[in-house]
Structures are given as structure tokens and as C-alpha cells.
Amino acid sequence: MPPRLNPSPETLVTRAWADYALLDSGGGRKLERYGRHTVVRPEPQCFWSPRDPAAFDAADAVFDPTDEDETGRWRFAGNPIDSFPLAWRDVRFTSRFTPFRHLAFFPEQAANWEWLDGRVRRLNKPRILNLFGYTGVASLACAAAGAEVTHVDASKKSVAWARENAELSGMADRPIRWIVEDARKYVAREVRRGSKYDGIILDPPKYGRGPTGEVWRLFEDMPALLKDCAALLSDDASFLLLNAYAARVSGLSLAHLMAEATADRGGVIDWGELALAEDGPDGRAIGLSFFARWSAK
């Protein structure tokens, strides 16, 4: 039986928590608070005007892009800041000023972390696979909720940062496997082995390279990978979550791709976008990525 496709999109909104807030936005930029630091980053979707332009000028760090491919340089109001600790619930992680606009995690993903936390806590020690796991916040959120996690990323540096975050969170002894490998190769091998998982997370880039030069292109490579991931779901699996950052993708297109991959599993497919909301009762929200997730029920 095919899954039921939710007829309406859903917007998963991340709001401020103790160590993060979207303070203001506008003029193609957003003003954020990371711990005690205020940060300005480009955001072309913010067509509107900022509420407090002076606050942008007083930020501790500003990202100046050098091209449209996310790269650029950070400019600091005082001494350069390298890294600093942050937390989301039981997960502790290090925020870093990377040359790619972000700070070694994506705050809008907190909406997904919350959903994963609730989903995993309903299960009995589930096996979770996190592909393109980056610095491991989603992996650690699942581990904190009681999951056995396999974390896969093609970047040796990212996996090293994820392991550091596990140490920082006091989860070094949790059942987490850290794998540096191309996601497609790892999943194909797991399919051949007959491995099964109770939940799978995918958060792929639109373009990337594997540890031995493999090239990843979202639109060309995602359909086959998602089909293989569906084959790894156990008979009583709980979820398959796909998130994507790409200008040419939509939540609905991801939902139809998910429906094709899970055609014989029943369940339901929710889809939509992830958004960050400004702190405050009348805060505006910025849509930043799209998702589709299959759930058993």
C-alpha cells in the first residue's frame, strides 16, 4: 500500500532558545545571537527592512561573502573569535566561524531535532542512520533520546568535530559509530549486507565531494540514494527524514520523491519547509530549507 501524502505543506518553525536567537532581519541580512555573540550573515530572502539597523552595525561578527557559493570572510568588531560552546537541550557542541557563512551547525534544524527527539523517545533503543551528519548535532540528539546511532559523513574534519561534540556532551560512551565515507557507498554496502534501521536521516548538500574524490550532485544522485535508504528500513521502521537546501527544490518535489521510494510501506508523508522566526511576539520568519519525511504512523 502506498503512503498517504499530506495534501498541505507544513512550516516547521525554529524559535529562540537559550543559546540562539534570530534577533532581526532585513536588507538581505539576518542578525543572530549565538550564545553571547551577535552575528550578521547574508540572507537574500529578507527583502524587507530591518527593525533596528543600528543593531546590525554593533554586531560582534559580520560575514562578507566573496561569491554566491557560500564562501567569504568574517569581520570581527574586536579580537577574532575562533570557537565557543553552545547547547541545545542535552546536546553540547562547539560553534565555529567557518568560511561558508555558517557556524558549524544550522540553527533552523532545531525544528527537526525536536521532532527526532520525540520520535526516538517513543521507540525502544532504535537503530538510527544519519547520513551527511556533519558536526553531529542530530546524531547526538537521537543518542540523548536513547538511540543507537550510525553517523556518516564524507569529511574527516566534520566527523572529528562531531566526536568532539560527543565528548563535550558527555556522550563519548554512547552507542554511536562514526564513519568517514561517501554516503552512497556506505548505504550500498549496507543494502548488500542486509542491514536494517528503525529511522534514517538525510541532510545532503546540493553539491559535495567524497573522501576519495567522489562527486555528489543532489538532483542526479538523490533518487537512487533515497531508494536504497528505503530498502534499509526495518519492517517496523519509524521514519525516513529528508532535508535539502537548494534553490530549485521544493518540499512538494521531495515529497513525491519520498513517495516513490516508500511506495510499498504505507504510512504518511509530511512535507514543507524549515523556517527561523525572529524572537518576539510579532517576529517575522525566514524559510531556509525544505523537507519531506515518511512516518510509519
Protein backbone atom coordinates (compact mmCIF):
# COMPACT_ATOMS: atom_id res chain seq x y z
CA MET A 1 0.00 0.00 0.00
CA PRO A 2 1.47 3.43 -0.91
CA PRO A 3 1.93 6.06 1.79
CA ARG A 4 -0.61 8.83 2.20
CA LEU A 5 0.76 12.17 1.03
CA ASN A 6 -0.28 15.05 3.27
CA PRO A 7 -2.20 17.40 0.91
CA SER A 8 -0.96 20.57 2.63
CA PRO A 9 2.59 21.75 3.39
CA GLU A 10 3.79 22.31 6.93
CA THR A 11 6.16 25.01 8.12
CA LEU A 12 8.41 23.83 10.95
CA VAL A 13 9.44 26.99 12.78
CA THR A 14 12.54 27.22 14.97
CA ARG A 15 12.23 29.85 17.66
CA ALA A 16 14.80 31.23 20.09
CA TRP A 17 16.33 29.00 22.72
CA ALA A 18 18.86 29.79 25.47
CA ASP A 19 21.93 29.74 23.20
CA TYR A 20 20.43 31.01 19.93
CA ALA A 21 18.03 33.67 18.65
CA LEU A 22 17.22 35.37 15.37
CA LEU A 23 17.13 38.97 16.60
CA ASP A 24 16.29 40.91 13.44
CA SER A 25 16.34 40.57 9.66
CA GLY A 26 16.09 42.69 6.55
CA GLY A 27 18.07 44.29 3.78
CA GLY A 28 19.36 40.88 2.66
CA ARG A 29 20.85 40.04 6.07
CA LYS A 30 19.95 38.46 9.37
CA LEU A 31 21.14 39.42 12.86
CA GLU A 32 21.54 36.43 15.18
CA ARG A 33 22.68 35.72 18.71
CA TYR A 34 24.91 32.71 19.26
CA GLY A 35 25.50 32.41 22.99
CA ARG A 36 26.72 35.90 23.95
CA HIS A 37 27.91 36.82 20.44
CA THR A 38 25.84 38.76 17.90
CA VAL A 39 26.42 37.80 14.28
CA VAL A 40 25.34 39.20 10.89
CA ARG A 41 25.04 36.81 7.96
CA PRO A 42 23.73 37.29 4.40
CA GLU A 43 20.15 36.18 3.71
CA PRO A 44 18.82 37.21 0.29
CA GLN A 45 15.24 36.22 1.17
CA CYS A 46 14.96 39.08 3.65
CA PHE A 47 13.55 41.63 1.19
CA TRP A 48 12.03 43.71 3.97
CA SER A 49 13.67 46.40 6.10
CA PRO A 50 15.40 45.66 9.41
CA ARG A 51 13.66 46.90 12.52
CA ASP A 52 16.87 48.13 14.18
CA PRO A 53 19.63 48.90 11.62
CA ALA A 54 21.94 50.18 14.37
CA ALA A 55 22.00 46.73 15.98
CA PHE A 56 23.47 45.27 12.78
CA ASP A 57 26.28 47.85 12.93
CA ALA A 58 27.07 46.86 16.52
CA ALA A 59 27.40 43.11 15.84
CA ASP A 60 30.43 41.18 17.09
CA ALA A 61 30.98 39.43 13.75
CA VAL A 62 29.88 40.05 10.16
CA PHE A 63 30.22 37.66 7.23
CA ASP A 64 31.30 39.32 3.97
CA PRO A 65 30.60 36.99 1.01
CA THR A 66 33.12 36.80 -1.80
CA ASP A 67 30.89 34.88 -4.23
CA GLU A 68 27.47 33.22 -4.47
CA ASP A 69 28.74 29.79 -3.41
CA GLU A 70 28.56 30.46 0.31
CA THR A 71 32.25 31.36 0.72
CA GLY A 72 33.63 34.56 2.17
CA ARG A 73 35.37 36.08 5.20
CA TRP A 74 34.40 37.01 8.72
CA ARG A 75 34.98 40.52 10.00
CA PHE A 76 35.12 41.00 13.78
CA ALA A 77 34.39 44.11 15.82
CA GLY A 78 37.11 43.21 18.31
CA ASN A 79 39.57 40.35 18.58
CA PRO A 80 38.86 37.48 16.17
CA ILE A 81 36.66 34.76 17.65
CA ASP A 82 37.62 31.18 16.86
CA SER A 83 35.08 28.92 18.53
CA PHE A 84 32.83 28.75 21.59
CA PRO A 85 30.48 26.20 23.22
CA LEU A 86 26.71 26.15 22.75
CA ALA A 87 23.93 23.79 23.76
CA TRP A 88 20.54 22.54 22.63
CA ARG A 89 18.80 20.58 25.40
CA ASP A 90 21.23 17.78 26.42
CA VAL A 91 23.48 18.28 23.39
CA ARG A 92 26.63 20.37 23.76
CA PHE A 93 28.54 21.43 20.67
CA THR A 94 31.22 23.84 19.52
CA SER A 95 30.25 26.71 17.27
CA ARG A 96 32.93 27.79 14.80
CA PHE A 97 33.23 30.68 12.36
CA THR A 98 33.63 28.69 9.14
CA PRO A 99 34.43 30.23 5.72
CA PHE A 100 31.00 29.10 4.47
CA ARG A 101 28.65 31.59 6.20
CA HIS A 102 27.51 29.21 8.91
CA LEU A 103 28.87 28.45 12.38
CA ALA A 104 29.36 24.66 12.11
CA PHE A 105 25.67 23.89 12.58
CA PHE A 106 22.34 25.06 11.14
CA PRO A 107 20.03 26.56 13.80
CA GLU A 108 16.85 26.11 11.75
CA GLN A 109 17.41 22.36 12.09
CA ALA A 110 16.31 22.63 15.74
CA ALA A 111 12.76 22.03 14.50
CA ASN A 112 13.91 18.69 13.11
CA TRP A 113 15.91 17.89 16.26
CA GLU A 114 12.78 18.40 18.33
CA TRP A 115 10.76 16.11 16.06
CA LEU A 116 13.51 13.46 16.12
CA ASP A 117 13.76 13.64 19.91
CA GLY A 118 10.05 12.98 20.30
CA ARG A 119 10.06 10.21 17.70
CA VAL A 120 13.07 8.36 19.14
CA ARG A 121 11.76 8.52 22.72
CA ARG A 122 8.70 6.53 21.62
CA LEU A 123 10.92 3.65 20.47
CA ASN A 124 12.92 1.00 22.34
CA LYS A 125 16.64 1.58 21.63
CA PRO A 126 16.14 2.15 17.89
CA ARG A 127 18.94 1.94 15.33
CA ILE A 128 19.25 5.31 13.58
CA LEU A 129 21.35 6.12 10.49
CA ASN A 130 22.36 9.76 10.00
CA LEU A 131 23.78 10.44 6.53
CA PHE A 132 25.64 13.66 5.73
CA GLY A 133 25.76 14.01 9.52
CA TYR A 134 28.19 16.97 9.56
CA THR A 135 29.11 18.00 13.12
CA GLY A 136 26.71 15.58 14.72
CA VAL A 137 24.04 17.61 16.50
CA ALA A 138 21.20 15.48 15.07
CA SER A 139 23.14 12.30 15.88
CA LEU A 140 23.64 13.43 19.46
CA ALA A 141 20.00 14.50 19.82
CA CYS A 142 18.99 10.96 18.83
CA ALA A 143 21.60 9.40 21.12
CA ALA A 144 20.41 11.54 24.03
CA ALA A 145 16.87 10.24 23.38
CA GLY A 146 18.06 6.62 23.63
CA ALA A 147 19.05 5.63 20.09
CA GLU A 148 21.96 3.60 18.77
CA VAL A 149 23.33 5.85 16.03
CA THR A 150 25.49 5.39 12.94
CA HIS A 151 26.84 8.77 11.84
CA VAL A 152 28.20 9.04 8.29
CA ASP A 153 29.92 11.99 6.64
CA ALA A 154 32.45 12.26 3.82
CA SER A 155 34.51 14.89 5.66
CA LYS A 156 37.11 13.62 8.11
CA LYS A 157 37.22 17.07 9.73
CA SER A 158 33.45 17.15 10.24
CA VAL A 159 33.40 13.70 11.83
CA ALA A 160 36.27 14.74 14.11
CA TRP A 161 34.23 17.78 15.17
CA ALA A 162 31.20 15.53 15.74
CA ARG A 163 33.25 13.27 18.02
CA GLU A 164 34.45 16.32 19.93
CA ASN A 165 30.83 17.37 20.35
CA ALA A 166 30.03 13.92 21.74
CA GLU A 167 32.81 14.36 24.30
CA LEU A 168 31.54 17.83 25.15
CA SER A 169 28.03 16.42 25.62
CA GLY A 170 29.23 13.63 27.90
CA MET A 171 28.15 11.07 25.29
CA ALA A 172 31.50 9.58 24.31
CA ASP A 173 30.38 6.23 25.71
CA ARG A 174 27.01 6.19 23.92
CA PRO A 175 26.49 3.61 21.12
CA ILE A 176 27.47 5.89 18.23
CA ARG A 177 29.50 4.68 15.24
CA TRP A 178 31.47 7.41 13.47
CA ILE A 179 32.01 6.67 9.76
CA VAL A 180 34.06 8.73 7.28
CA GLU A 181 32.77 7.61 3.90
CA ASP A 182 30.77 8.60 0.86
CA ALA A 183 27.09 8.15 1.84
CA ARG A 184 26.20 6.32 -1.37
CA LYS A 185 28.99 3.77 -0.94
CA TYR A 186 28.13 3.18 2.70
CA VAL A 187 24.42 2.71 2.02
CA ALA A 188 25.03 0.41 -0.95
CA ARG A 189 27.24 -1.80 1.23
CA GLU A 190 24.63 -1.85 3.99
CA VAL A 191 21.98 -2.92 1.47
CA ARG A 192 24.20 -5.81 0.34
CA ARG A 193 24.72 -6.81 3.99
CA GLY A 194 21.01 -6.82 4.67
CA SER A 195 21.36 -4.22 7.45
CA LYS A 196 18.21 -2.60 8.82
CA TYR A 197 17.50 0.68 10.62
CA ASP A 198 14.48 1.98 12.51
CA GLY A 199 14.99 5.55 11.34
CA ILE A 200 17.14 7.30 8.73
CA ILE A 201 18.10 10.99 8.45
CA LEU A 202 19.41 12.57 5.25
CA ASP A 203 20.58 16.19 5.07
CA PRO A 204 22.60 16.29 1.83
CA PRO A 205 24.29 19.30 0.25
CA LYS A 206 23.37 20.34 -3.27
CA TYR A 207 26.99 19.59 -4.28
CA GLY A 208 29.87 17.88 -2.50
CA ARG A 209 32.84 15.56 -2.73
CA GLY A 210 33.52 12.27 -1.00
CA PRO A 211 36.74 11.36 0.83
CA THR A 212 38.30 9.87 -2.33
CA GLY A 213 37.01 12.46 -4.79
CA GLU A 214 33.50 11.12 -5.40
CA VAL A 215 31.22 13.86 -6.72
CA TRP A 216 27.76 14.35 -5.19
CA ARG A 217 25.03 16.21 -7.09
CA LEU A 218 21.68 16.45 -5.36
CA PHE A 219 19.36 16.24 -8.36
CA GLU A 220 21.32 13.47 -10.09
CA ASP A 221 22.18 11.31 -7.06
CA MET A 222 19.36 11.73 -4.54
CA PRO A 223 16.73 9.44 -6.18
CA ALA A 224 18.93 6.32 -6.14
CA LEU A 225 20.23 7.02 -2.64
CA LEU A 226 16.75 7.55 -1.22
CA LYS A 227 15.57 4.29 -2.81
CA ASP A 228 18.48 2.44 -1.18
CA CYS A 229 17.70 4.10 2.16
CA ALA A 230 14.11 2.86 1.94
CA ALA A 231 15.50 -0.65 1.44
CA LEU A 232 17.40 -0.27 4.74
CA LEU A 233 14.25 0.44 6.76
CA SER A 234 13.23 -2.38 9.08
CA ASP A 235 9.77 -3.90 8.77
CA ASP A 236 8.57 -1.84 11.74
CA ALA A 237 10.70 1.25 10.98
CA SER A 238 9.52 4.59 12.33
CA PHE A 239 10.74 7.27 9.91
CA LEU A 240 12.78 8.42 6.92
CA LEU A 241 13.59 12.13 7.00
CA LEU A 242 15.00 14.08 4.04
CA ASN A 243 16.08 17.73 4.24
CA ALA A 244 17.51 19.74 1.35
CA TYR A 245 18.97 23.20 0.78
CA ALA A 246 18.68 24.05 -2.90
CA ALA A 247 17.03 26.92 -4.74
CA ARG A 248 15.46 24.64 -7.36
CA VAL A 249 13.94 22.13 -4.94
CA SER A 250 10.62 22.29 -3.06
CA GLY A 251 9.00 20.41 -0.24
CA LEU A 252 6.43 19.01 -2.65
CA SER A 253 9.08 17.69 -5.04
CA LEU A 254 10.85 16.00 -2.12
CA ALA A 255 7.52 14.53 -1.02
CA HIS A 256 6.88 12.94 -4.41
CA LEU A 257 10.42 11.55 -4.45
CA MET A 258 9.84 10.14 -0.96
CA ALA A 259 6.52 8.62 -2.04
CA GLU A 260 8.24 6.82 -4.91
CA ALA A 261 10.96 5.44 -2.61
CA THR A 262 8.47 4.21 0.02
CA ALA A 263 5.72 3.09 -2.36
CA ASP A 264 5.04 -0.23 -0.61
CA ARG A 265 5.33 0.86 3.02
CA GLY A 266 2.05 2.60 3.81
CA GLY A 267 2.34 5.32 6.44
CA VAL A 268 2.20 9.04 5.78
CA ILE A 269 4.46 11.64 4.17
CA ASP A 270 4.61 15.15 5.62
CA TRP A 271 6.40 17.90 3.72
CA GLY A 272 7.12 21.59 3.77
CA GLU A 273 9.88 23.94 4.84
CA LEU A 274 12.04 24.79 7.82
CA ALA A 275 11.99 28.39 8.99
CA LEU A 276 13.67 30.63 11.55
CA ALA A 277 11.43 33.08 13.40
CA GLU A 278 12.60 36.36 14.87
CA ASP A 279 12.49 36.49 18.64
CA GLY A 280 9.39 38.28 19.91
CA PRO A 281 5.60 38.02 19.59
CA ASP A 282 5.45 39.55 16.09
CA GLY A 283 8.66 38.00 14.75
CA ARG A 284 8.93 37.50 11.02
CA ALA A 285 10.00 34.07 9.76
CA ILE A 286 12.55 33.13 7.08
CA GLY A 287 12.12 29.90 5.11
CA LEU A 288 15.54 28.30 4.73
CA SER A 289 15.23 24.66 3.64
CA PHE A 290 12.71 22.07 2.52
CA PHE A 291 11.86 18.68 3.98
CA ALA A 292 9.86 15.52 3.37
CA ARG A 293 9.51 12.80 5.97
CA TRP A 294 7.90 9.39 5.81
CA SER A 295 6.47 8.15 9.09
CA ALA A 296 5.02 4.72 9.77
CA LYS A 297 2.06 6.41 11.53
